[in-house]
C-alpha atoms as a PDB file:
ATOM      1  CA  UNK A   1     106.860 128.046 141.080  1.00  0.00           C
ATOM      2  CA  UNK A   2     107.179 131.394 142.811  1.00  0.00           C
ATOM      3  CA  UNK A   3     110.508 133.148 142.591  1.00  0.00           C
ATOM      4  CA  UNK A   4     111.707 135.751 145.056  1.00  0.00           C
ATOM      5  CA  UNK A   5     114.555 138.094 144.227  1.00  0.00           C
ATOM      6  CA  UNK A   6     116.277 140.426 146.672  1.00  0.00           C
ATOM      7  CA  UNK A   7     118.168 143.528 145.591  1.00  0.00           C
ATOM      8  CA  UNK A   8     119.767 146.493 147.325  1.00  0.00           C
ATOM      9  CA  UNK A   9     119.372 149.984 145.944  1.00  0.00           C
ATOM     10  CA  UNK A  10     121.285 153.081 147.005  1.00  0.00           C
ATOM     11  CA  UNK A  11     119.037 156.079 147.547  1.00  0.00           C
ATOM     12  CA  UNK A  12     121.807 158.622 147.078  1.00  0.00           C
ATOM     13  CA  UNK A  13     125.200 157.224 146.137  1.00  0.00           C
ATOM     14  CA  UNK A  14     126.878 160.628 145.729  1.00  0.00           C
ATOM     15  CA  UNK A  15     126.757 161.656 149.391  1.00  0.00           C
ATOM     16  CA  UNK A  16     129.855 160.681 151.344  1.00  0.00           C
ATOM     17  CA  UNK A  17     131.340 161.825 154.635  1.00  0.00           C
ATOM     18  CA  UNK A  18     134.404 164.070 154.886  1.00  0.00           C
ATOM     19  CA  UNK A  19     136.746 161.040 154.744  1.00  0.00           C
ATOM     20  CA  UNK A  20     135.400 160.092 151.321  1.00  0.00           C
ATOM     21  CA  UNK A  21     133.490 156.964 152.333  1.00  0.00           C
ATOM     22  CA  UNK A  22     130.317 155.973 154.171  1.00  0.00           C
ATOM     23  CA  UNK A  23     130.225 154.200 157.489  1.00  0.00           C
ATOM     24  CA  UNK A  24     128.164 151.000 157.732  1.00  0.00           C
ATOM     25  CA  UNK A  25     125.379 152.898 159.540  1.00  0.00           C
ATOM     26  CA  UNK A  26     125.344 155.653 156.916  1.00  0.00           C
ATOM     27  CA  UNK A  27     125.297 153.068 154.122  1.00  0.00           C
ATOM     28  CA  UNK A  28     122.387 151.207 155.750  1.00  0.00           C
ATOM     29  CA  UNK A  29     120.469 154.500 156.053  1.00  0.00           C
ATOM     30  CA  UNK A  30     120.978 155.221 152.348  1.00  0.00           C
ATOM     31  CA  UNK A  31     120.072 151.828 150.942  1.00  0.00           C
ATOM     32  CA  UNK A  32     116.720 150.148 150.641  1.00  0.00           C
ATOM     33  CA  UNK A  33     115.857 146.497 150.307  1.00  0.00           C
ATOM     34  CA  UNK A  34     113.911 145.612 147.167  1.00  0.00           C
ATOM     35  CA  UNK A  35     112.156 142.240 147.077  1.00  0.00           C
ATOM     36  CA  UNK A  36     110.498 140.836 143.947  1.00  0.00           C
ATOM     37  CA  UNK A  37     108.138 137.863 144.062  1.00  0.00           C
ATOM     38  CA  UNK A  38     106.660 136.379 140.898  1.00  0.00           C
ATOM     39  CA  UNK A  39     103.045 135.230 141.054  1.00  0.00           C
ATOM     40  CA  UNK A  40     102.710 131.662 139.824  1.00  0.00           C
ATOM     41  CA  UNK A  41     101.047 131.187 136.409  1.00  0.00           C
ATOM     42  CA  UNK A  42     100.753 134.928 135.760  1.00  0.00           C
ATOM     43  CA  UNK A  43     102.771 137.747 134.193  1.00  0.00           C
ATOM     44  CA  UNK A  44     102.624 139.692 137.480  1.00  0.00           C
ATOM     45  CA  UNK A  45     105.269 140.354 140.116  1.00  0.00           C
ATOM     46  CA  UNK A  46     104.924 141.763 143.623  1.00  0.00           C
ATOM     47  CA  UNK A  47     107.611 144.329 144.431  1.00  0.00           C
ATOM     48  CA  UNK A  48     108.269 145.220 148.061  1.00  0.00           C
ATOM     49  CA  UNK A  49     110.352 148.269 148.959  1.00  0.00           C
ATOM     50  CA  UNK A  50     110.772 149.257 152.598  1.00  0.00           C
ATOM     51  CA  UNK A  51     107.822 147.096 153.698  1.00  0.00           C
ATOM     52  CA  UNK A  52     105.406 148.573 151.140  1.00  0.00           C
ATOM     53  CA  UNK A  53     104.303 146.359 148.256  1.00  0.00           C
ATOM     54  CA  UNK A  54     102.781 146.949 144.826  1.00  0.00           C
ATOM     55  CA  UNK A  55     102.086 144.892 141.710  1.00  0.00           C
ATOM     56  CA  UNK A  56     103.887 145.183 138.387  1.00  0.00           C
ATOM     57  CA  UNK A  57     103.866 143.611 134.951  1.00  0.00           C
ATOM     58  CA  UNK A  58     107.284 143.918 133.380  1.00  0.00           C
ATOM     59  CA  UNK A  59     108.393 147.446 134.076  1.00  0.00           C
ATOM     60  CA  UNK A  60     104.856 148.773 134.472  1.00  0.00           C
ATOM     61  CA  UNK A  61     103.161 149.341 137.811  1.00  0.00           C
ATOM     62  CA  UNK A  62      99.607 148.002 138.114  1.00  0.00           C
ATOM     63  CA  UNK A  63      98.507 148.631 141.714  1.00  0.00           C
ATOM     64  CA  UNK A  64      98.759 151.213 144.442  1.00  0.00           C
ATOM     65  CA  UNK A  65     101.033 150.482 147.391  1.00  0.00           C
ATOM     66  CA  UNK A  66      99.724 148.193 150.103  1.00  0.00           C
ATOM     67  CA  UNK A  67     101.017 147.205 153.519  1.00  0.00           C
ATOM     68  CA  UNK A  68     101.171 143.471 152.761  1.00  0.00           C
ATOM     69  CA  UNK A  69     102.001 141.236 149.819  1.00  0.00           C
ATOM     70  CA  UNK A  70      98.736 139.369 150.380  1.00  0.00           C
ATOM     71  CA  UNK A  71      96.707 142.522 149.679  1.00  0.00           C
ATOM     72  CA  UNK A  72      98.584 143.032 146.407  1.00  0.00           C
ATOM     73  CA  UNK A  73      98.240 139.360 145.476  1.00  0.00           C
ATOM     74  CA  UNK A  74      94.440 139.580 145.997  1.00  0.00           C
ATOM     75  CA  UNK A  75      94.276 142.688 143.798  1.00  0.00           C
ATOM     76  CA  UNK A  76      96.296 141.066 141.017  1.00  0.00           C
ATOM     77  CA  UNK A  77      94.419 137.762 141.110  1.00  0.00           C
ATOM     78  CA  UNK A  78      91.045 139.500 140.877  1.00  0.00           C
ATOM     79  CA  UNK A  79      89.918 139.489 137.239  1.00  0.00           C
ATOM     80  CA  UNK A  80      88.252 142.790 136.417  1.00  0.00           C
ATOM     81  CA  UNK A  81      87.693 144.846 133.291  1.00  0.00           C
ATOM     82  CA  UNK A  82      90.107 147.428 134.639  1.00  0.00           C
ATOM     83  CA  UNK A  83      92.886 144.824 134.991  1.00  0.00           C
ATOM     84  CA  UNK A  84      92.165 143.404 131.515  1.00  0.00           C
ATOM     85  CA  UNK A  85      92.435 146.872 129.959  1.00  0.00           C
ATOM     86  CA  UNK A  86      95.640 147.598 131.918  1.00  0.00           C
ATOM     87  CA  UNK A  87      97.245 144.399 130.620  1.00  0.00           C
ATOM     88  CA  UNK A  88      96.107 145.102 127.049  1.00  0.00           C
ATOM     89  CA  UNK A  89      97.556 148.628 127.171  1.00  0.00           C
ATOM     90  CA  UNK A  90     100.870 147.346 128.550  1.00  0.00           C
ATOM     91  CA  UNK A  91     101.088 144.693 125.842  1.00  0.00           C
ATOM     92  CA  UNK A  92     100.393 147.324 123.179  1.00  0.00           C
ATOM     93  CA  UNK A  93     103.081 149.592 124.653  1.00  0.00           C
ATOM     94  CA  UNK A  94     105.612 146.718 124.669  1.00  0.00           C
ATOM     95  CA  UNK A  95     104.668 145.896 121.070  1.00  0.00           C
ATOM     96  CA  UNK A  96     105.295 149.520 120.014  1.00  0.00           C
ATOM     97  CA  UNK A  97     108.624 149.612 121.882  1.00  0.00           C
ATOM     98  CA  UNK A  98     109.686 146.410 120.112  1.00  0.00           C
ATOM     99  CA  UNK A  99     108.822 147.922 116.729  1.00  0.00           C
ATOM    100  CA  UNK A 100     111.043 150.926 117.468  1.00  0.00           C
ATOM    101  CA  UNK A 101     113.892 148.642 118.585  1.00  0.00           C
ATOM    102  CA  UNK A 102     113.637 146.524 115.440  1.00  0.00           C
ATOM    103  CA  UNK A 103     113.664 149.630 113.200  1.00  0.00           C
ATOM    104  CA  UNK A 104     116.850 150.911 114.888  1.00  0.00           C
ATOM    105  CA  UNK A 105     118.654 147.604 114.231  1.00  0.00           C
END
């Protein structure tokens, strides 16, 4: 089952007008819509920000930006040696991060 998540992110929350608050138009200009869509039966997610999409695994980016989600989906579903090595390196990095977390506890 594919899951889609929508989030809003403020580009620059510190800027306000002289009255101390942002108008609706100013707020819309300073926020961006972030959409996350999980790819079924995979560890990958497609992230779309301002109509540009890219693929991630956890917090790690795997692909360059593309104009459509379908382009990213095709890239992520293609099994290549490059993708296998990327995934292995990410898993190793996560494993090392977990070791550091366990040692701190």
